[in-house]
């Protein structure tokens, strides 16, 4: 089975507080972006194998963990996983999470497991905070660690989304979290309130809280955001904890 996992962007990202378990409570609007995809193929095999492109290895790839998770519960036969990584790594686009979620869905279809989306989302949550979003792969408002999801009615048909990643810049998620200022210490509208404003007002009200900690360390990310505005973006922001930046351009 051959599938093409896409990535996501975050329209706003509020880091609310640090949790007792070491994670952070956040609010964000996940939006799928189909202009950047990986290639994932899963086929029957005589023994388990993982074949990855140069930038992924079997011992740290989430698709392997996805198979192991399902194999433990459903006694799946061995497969070969072939992953060609084309999406940017360490860019806040959730490419690895997408690969894992698509692997769960592909395995479910291949072996006729009959799992519903909510069940797959529960498995996905074991692999990463934003993995469940890719099971649904439509605009979803995320809370908790980003794994508590609800549908969101988003209308961006009048806008083109462009995504770029500064060459050679990879932002450490743990480093970004260690420097972020939680939203409860900032005087800003809530994310839900900000999203109700017209898109033209989003630059004044819709924020990614990671920008304040990432931009000083990686000036190229901030420069890319400024360039998008110089090129006519109505709204531009870093995605996730960076380094990718997206812009909304009126069609």
Protein backbone atom coordinates (compact mmCIF):
# COMPACT_ATOMS: atom_id res chain seq x y z
CA UNK A 1 0.00 0.00 0.00
CA UNK A 2 1.36 3.37 -1.05
CA UNK A 3 0.33 6.60 0.72
CA UNK A 4 1.58 10.18 0.73
CA UNK A 5 1.66 11.72 4.21
CA UNK A 6 1.23 15.49 4.11
CA UNK A 7 2.33 18.04 6.71
CA UNK A 8 0.49 20.67 8.76
CA UNK A 9 0.76 24.29 9.76
CA UNK A 10 -0.36 25.94 13.00
CA UNK A 11 -2.65 28.95 12.83
CA UNK A 12 -1.71 30.43 16.17
CA UNK A 13 0.00 28.47 18.92
CA UNK A 14 -0.51 29.40 22.56
CA UNK A 15 1.61 27.71 25.21
CA UNK A 16 -0.60 27.96 28.28
CA UNK A 17 1.28 26.27 31.11
CA UNK A 18 3.69 23.52 32.01
CA UNK A 19 1.98 20.34 33.20
CA UNK A 20 3.02 18.08 36.10
CA UNK A 21 3.94 15.36 33.57
CA UNK A 22 6.53 17.65 31.97
CA UNK A 23 4.49 18.42 28.86
CA UNK A 24 2.78 21.75 28.18
CA UNK A 25 -0.88 22.59 27.69
CA UNK A 26 -1.32 24.37 24.39
CA UNK A 27 -3.99 25.76 22.10
CA UNK A 28 -3.56 25.75 18.35
CA UNK A 29 -5.46 25.40 15.11
CA UNK A 30 -4.00 22.57 13.04
CA UNK A 31 -4.43 22.99 9.28
CA UNK A 32 -3.32 20.36 6.74
CA UNK A 33 -0.89 21.48 4.05
CA UNK A 34 -0.72 19.26 0.97
CA UNK A 35 2.11 21.03 -0.83
CA UNK A 36 4.78 18.94 0.93
CA UNK A 37 4.48 15.17 1.25
CA UNK A 38 6.49 12.05 2.00
CA UNK A 39 6.12 8.70 0.24
CA UNK A 40 5.28 5.74 2.46
CA UNK A 41 4.84 2.20 1.17
CA UNK A 42 3.98 -0.81 3.33
CA UNK A 43 4.05 -4.28 1.76
CA UNK A 44 3.94 -7.86 3.11
CA UNK A 45 7.35 -9.40 3.83
CA UNK A 46 8.90 -12.56 5.22
CA UNK A 47 10.41 -10.55 8.09
CA UNK A 48 10.09 -6.99 9.30
CA UNK A 49 12.24 -4.50 7.40
CA UNK A 50 12.47 -0.73 7.30
CA UNK A 51 13.95 0.93 4.22
CA UNK A 52 14.36 4.67 4.60
CA UNK A 53 15.86 7.51 2.64
CA UNK A 54 19.15 8.96 3.87
CA UNK A 55 17.53 11.25 6.45
CA UNK A 56 15.64 8.53 8.37
CA UNK A 57 16.73 5.35 10.15
CA UNK A 58 14.69 2.43 11.44
CA UNK A 59 15.65 2.89 15.09
CA UNK A 60 14.15 6.35 15.49
CA UNK A 61 11.37 6.48 12.91
CA UNK A 62 7.80 6.73 14.14
CA UNK A 63 6.50 4.43 11.38
CA UNK A 64 8.43 1.57 12.99
CA UNK A 65 6.90 2.39 16.37
CA UNK A 66 3.46 2.58 14.73
CA UNK A 67 3.88 -0.94 13.33
CA UNK A 68 5.18 -2.27 16.66
CA UNK A 69 2.20 -0.74 18.47
CA UNK A 70 -0.31 -2.38 16.13
CA UNK A 71 1.58 -5.65 15.92
CA UNK A 72 1.49 -6.03 19.70
CA UNK A 73 -2.30 -5.67 19.82
CA UNK A 74 -3.29 -7.44 16.59
CA UNK A 75 -0.47 -9.93 16.00
CA UNK A 76 0.21 -8.50 12.55
CA UNK A 77 2.37 -10.44 10.10
CA UNK A 78 5.75 -8.95 9.13
CA UNK A 79 5.88 -6.09 6.65
CA UNK A 80 8.45 -3.99 4.87
CA UNK A 81 8.12 -0.24 5.41
CA UNK A 82 9.64 1.97 2.72
CA UNK A 83 9.80 5.66 3.58
CA UNK A 84 11.05 8.36 1.27
CA UNK A 85 11.33 11.54 3.29
CA UNK A 86 10.63 14.70 1.28
CA UNK A 87 9.09 16.93 3.94
CA UNK A 88 11.41 19.10 6.00
CA UNK A 89 12.71 17.55 9.22
CA UNK A 90 12.77 19.60 12.44
CA UNK A 91 10.66 22.34 10.91
CA UNK A 92 7.49 22.33 13.01
CA UNK A 93 5.45 20.78 10.20
CA UNK A 94 4.75 17.43 11.86
CA UNK A 95 6.17 15.32 9.04
CA UNK A 96 7.24 12.46 11.31
CA UNK A 97 3.89 12.48 13.07
CA UNK A 98 2.13 12.37 9.71
CA UNK A 99 4.20 9.36 8.65
CA UNK A 100 3.20 7.53 11.84
CA UNK A 101 -0.49 8.36 11.50
CA UNK A 102 -0.56 7.32 7.84
CA UNK A 103 1.22 4.09 8.77
CA UNK A 104 -1.51 3.33 11.34
CA UNK A 105 -4.22 3.97 8.76
CA UNK A 106 -2.46 1.93 6.08
CA UNK A 107 -1.97 -1.04 8.40
CA UNK A 108 -5.63 -0.85 9.45
CA UNK A 109 -6.74 -1.00 5.82
CA UNK A 110 -4.21 -3.65 4.76
CA UNK A 111 -5.17 -6.07 7.52
CA UNK A 112 -8.87 -5.20 7.73
CA UNK A 113 -8.69 -4.23 11.39
CA UNK A 114 -11.91 -2.23 11.27
CA UNK A 115 -10.69 0.54 13.55
CA UNK A 116 -12.60 3.83 13.58
CA UNK A 117 -10.91 7.21 13.50
CA UNK A 118 -11.25 7.77 17.25
CA UNK A 119 -9.58 4.42 17.92
CA UNK A 120 -6.75 5.21 15.52
CA UNK A 121 -6.37 8.61 17.18
CA UNK A 122 -5.91 6.88 20.54
CA UNK A 123 -3.09 4.80 19.06
CA UNK A 124 -1.62 7.89 17.41
CA UNK A 125 -1.56 9.74 20.72
CA UNK A 126 0.85 7.09 22.03
CA UNK A 127 3.33 8.12 19.32
CA UNK A 128 3.26 11.91 19.53
CA UNK A 129 1.18 14.88 20.59
CA UNK A 130 0.25 15.98 17.06
CA UNK A 131 -0.08 12.47 15.57
CA UNK A 132 -3.86 12.25 16.21
CA UNK A 133 -4.48 15.32 14.04
CA UNK A 134 -3.25 13.49 10.95
CA UNK A 135 -5.82 10.74 11.43
CA UNK A 136 -8.51 13.34 10.71
CA UNK A 137 -6.37 15.57 8.44
CA UNK A 138 -8.75 18.51 8.36
CA UNK A 139 -8.79 21.81 10.31
CA UNK A 140 -8.93 20.89 14.00
CA UNK A 141 -8.63 22.99 17.14
CA UNK A 142 -6.13 21.31 19.43
CA UNK A 143 -5.88 21.57 23.21
CA UNK A 144 -4.17 19.55 25.93
CA UNK A 145 -0.81 18.49 24.50
CA UNK A 146 -2.35 19.09 21.08
CA UNK A 147 -3.98 15.67 21.19
CA UNK A 148 -7.47 16.82 22.26
CA UNK A 149 -9.14 17.75 19.00
CA UNK A 150 -12.36 19.29 17.79
CA UNK A 151 -13.47 20.19 14.29
CA UNK A 152 -13.06 23.81 13.31
CA UNK A 153 -14.95 25.53 10.50
CA UNK A 154 -12.16 27.38 8.67
CA UNK A 155 -12.68 29.40 5.50
CA UNK A 156 -9.47 30.23 3.63
CA UNK A 157 -10.62 29.59 0.05
CA UNK A 158 -9.60 33.13 -0.94
CA UNK A 159 -5.99 32.56 0.16
CA UNK A 160 -3.00 30.62 -1.08
CA UNK A 161 -0.76 29.07 1.57
CA UNK A 162 2.98 29.13 0.93
CA UNK A 163 5.45 27.30 3.15
CA UNK A 164 9.24 27.64 3.23
CA UNK A 165 12.01 26.41 5.49
CA UNK A 166 15.25 28.39 5.93
CA UNK A 167 18.11 26.37 4.49
CA UNK A 168 20.07 24.47 7.10
CA UNK A 169 18.00 25.64 10.08
CA UNK A 170 16.64 22.93 12.42
CA UNK A 171 14.99 24.06 15.65
CA UNK A 172 15.08 21.79 18.69
CA UNK A 173 11.57 21.42 20.08
CA UNK A 174 12.88 20.88 23.62
CA UNK A 175 15.02 24.01 23.39
CA UNK A 176 12.08 26.04 22.10
CA UNK A 177 9.87 24.87 24.96
CA UNK A 178 12.57 25.61 27.52
CA UNK A 179 12.62 29.26 26.45
CA UNK A 180 8.94 29.93 25.71
CA UNK A 181 6.90 32.31 27.89
CA UNK A 182 3.56 30.68 28.85
CA UNK A 183 0.47 32.53 27.69
CA UNK A 184 -0.83 33.09 31.23
CA UNK A 185 1.95 35.66 31.63
CA UNK A 186 1.02 37.59 28.49
CA UNK A 187 -1.78 40.12 27.95
CA UNK A 188 -3.23 38.92 24.64
CA UNK A 189 -6.61 37.72 23.40
CA UNK A 190 -7.22 33.99 23.57
CA UNK A 191 -6.57 32.00 20.42
CA UNK A 192 -10.27 31.33 19.89
CA UNK A 193 -10.96 35.06 20.13
CA UNK A 194 -8.11 35.93 17.76
CA UNK A 195 -9.32 33.49 15.10
CA UNK A 196 -12.69 35.28 14.98
CA UNK A 197 -11.05 38.44 13.68
CA UNK A 198 -10.78 39.03 9.91
CA UNK A 199 -7.61 37.56 8.40
CA UNK A 200 -6.35 41.09 7.70
CA UNK A 201 -6.22 41.68 11.47
CA UNK A 202 -4.45 38.44 12.34
CA UNK A 203 -0.96 40.02 12.36
CA UNK A 204 -2.06 42.09 15.38
CA UNK A 205 -3.92 39.40 17.33
CA UNK A 206 -2.85 35.88 16.22
CA UNK A 207 0.51 34.73 17.58
CA UNK A 208 2.78 31.73 17.77
CA UNK A 209 4.28 31.94 21.25
CA UNK A 210 7.43 30.14 20.12
CA UNK A 211 8.50 33.02 17.90
CA UNK A 212 9.75 35.06 20.85
CA UNK A 213 12.11 32.27 21.89
CA UNK A 214 13.12 31.02 18.43
CA UNK A 215 13.72 34.27 16.54
CA UNK A 216 16.65 35.46 18.72
CA UNK A 217 18.40 32.12 18.24
CA UNK A 218 17.62 31.70 14.54
CA UNK A 219 17.45 35.10 12.79
CA UNK A 220 16.90 33.42 9.42
CA UNK A 221 13.44 32.30 10.57
CA UNK A 222 12.41 35.84 11.51
CA UNK A 223 13.88 37.13 8.25
CA UNK A 224 11.76 34.67 6.28
CA UNK A 225 8.62 35.85 8.03
CA UNK A 226 9.50 39.47 7.19
CA UNK A 227 10.12 38.49 3.56
CA UNK A 228 6.67 36.96 3.28
CA UNK A 229 5.14 40.24 4.43
CA UNK A 230 7.36 42.15 2.00
CA UNK A 231 6.05 39.90 -0.77
CA UNK A 232 2.45 40.73 0.09
CA UNK A 233 1.35 38.13 2.62
CA UNK A 234 -1.81 39.06 4.49
CA UNK A 235 -0.61 36.95 7.42
CA UNK A 236 2.66 35.12 8.10
CA UNK A 237 3.84 33.02 11.01
CA UNK A 238 6.23 30.35 12.10
CA UNK A 239 4.68 26.88 12.21
CA UNK A 240 4.91 24.84 15.40
CA UNK A 241 8.23 25.36 17.13
CA UNK A 242 9.89 26.19 13.78
CA UNK A 243 11.79 26.51 11.57
CA UNK A 244 9.17 26.52 8.80
CA UNK A 245 7.31 29.74 8.06
CA UNK A 246 4.05 30.02 6.16
CA UNK A 247 2.26 32.92 4.57
CA UNK A 248 -1.33 33.51 3.50
CA UNK A 249 -1.54 35.33 0.19
CA UNK A 250 -4.77 36.56 -1.32
CA UNK A 251 -5.50 34.79 -4.62
